[in-house]
Amino acid sequence: MATKFTHIDVIFSHARFAADARAKMAIENYTAEEVAVFAGCSDTTVKVLISAHQKNFEMKNYIGVCNALDLNPADYFELGEWS
């Protein structure tokens, strides 16, 4: 029996994540330093993530910021086309 692989493109919406993270920080009145403490990264990393300029970053930092801000990490991945 042959193994069949299916490839599904997944697109990360970094701009939507950054906008939601900035909005949540504004609502909760959090600073980048406060989020960084809970996320387990530096405040510079948080600022880069919420700036929407960085598309590639470490998953542990992304998950940490999501957890610190009570955001669902899965909300920012969109399924592409099957191939």
Protein backbone atom coordinates (compact mmCIF):
# COMPACT_ATOMS: atom_id res chain seq x y z
CA MET A 1 0.00 0.00 0.00
CA ALA A 2 1.45 3.37 -1.00
CA THR A 3 1.45 6.38 1.27
CA LYS A 4 -0.31 9.42 -0.12
CA PHE A 5 0.66 12.87 1.03
CA THR A 6 -1.55 15.91 0.76
CA HIS A 7 -0.11 19.39 0.86
CA ILE A 8 -2.24 22.21 2.25
CA ASP A 9 -0.97 25.76 1.98
CA VAL A 10 -1.35 27.68 5.21
CA ILE A 11 -1.04 31.43 5.22
CA PHE A 12 -0.23 33.36 8.38
CA SER A 13 -2.01 36.70 8.66
CA HIS A 14 0.67 38.64 10.50
CA ALA A 15 -1.03 42.00 9.89
CA ARG A 16 -4.30 40.81 11.46
CA PHE A 17 -2.43 39.32 14.42
CA ALA A 18 -0.51 42.56 14.96
CA ALA A 19 -3.71 44.65 14.76
CA ASP A 20 -5.55 42.38 17.21
CA ALA A 21 -2.59 42.31 19.60
CA ARG A 22 -2.28 46.12 19.57
CA ALA A 23 -6.04 46.47 20.11
CA LYS A 24 -6.01 44.02 23.04
CA MET A 25 -3.03 45.80 24.59
CA ALA A 26 -4.86 49.14 24.29
CA ILE A 27 -8.07 47.75 25.79
CA GLU A 28 -6.24 46.13 28.71
CA ASN A 29 -3.79 49.05 29.01
CA TYR A 30 -0.78 46.71 28.78
CA THR A 31 2.71 47.84 27.87
CA ALA A 32 5.10 45.82 25.73
CA GLU A 33 7.18 45.22 28.85
CA GLU A 34 4.22 43.72 30.72
CA VAL A 35 3.28 41.46 27.81
CA ALA A 36 6.93 40.40 27.46
CA VAL A 37 7.06 39.21 31.08
CA PHE A 38 4.06 36.93 30.56
CA ALA A 39 5.16 35.87 27.06
CA GLY A 40 8.67 34.92 28.16
CA CYS A 41 10.45 37.13 25.64
CA SER A 42 11.91 40.61 25.48
CA ASP A 43 9.89 43.79 25.10
CA THR A 44 11.71 44.40 21.81
CA THR A 45 10.39 41.09 20.51
CA VAL A 46 6.84 42.06 21.49
CA LYS A 47 7.22 45.42 19.74
CA VAL A 48 8.48 43.70 16.58
CA LEU A 49 5.60 41.21 16.62
CA ILE A 50 2.92 43.86 17.02
CA SER A 51 4.47 46.17 14.41
CA ALA A 52 3.35 43.87 11.54
CA HIS A 53 6.69 44.41 9.81
CA GLN A 54 8.13 41.02 10.73
CA LYS A 55 6.57 38.08 8.89
CA ASN A 56 8.89 35.35 10.15
CA PHE A 57 9.47 34.94 13.85
CA GLU A 58 9.87 32.19 16.38
CA MET A 59 6.71 30.26 17.10
CA LYS A 60 7.40 30.22 20.85
CA ASN A 61 7.34 34.04 20.90
CA TYR A 62 4.13 34.16 18.85
CA ILE A 63 2.43 31.61 21.13
CA GLY A 64 3.72 33.43 24.21
CA VAL A 65 2.25 36.74 23.09
CA CYS A 66 -1.03 35.04 22.18
CA ASN A 67 -1.19 33.47 25.64
CA ALA A 68 -0.29 36.71 27.38
CA LEU A 69 -3.05 38.57 25.52
CA ASP A 70 -5.58 35.72 25.59
CA LEU A 71 -5.67 35.46 21.78
CA ASN A 72 -6.30 32.18 19.96
CA PRO A 73 -3.18 31.41 17.87
CA ALA A 74 -5.22 29.41 15.34
CA ASP A 75 -7.27 32.49 14.39
CA TYR A 76 -4.39 33.90 12.37
CA PHE A 77 -3.76 30.96 10.06
CA GLU A 78 -5.80 30.69 6.89
CA LEU A 79 -6.04 27.58 4.74
CA GLY A 80 -4.89 27.96 1.18
CA GLU A 81 -5.57 25.61 -1.68
CA TRP A 82 -5.20 21.83 -1.71
CA SER A 83 -2.58 20.37 -3.97
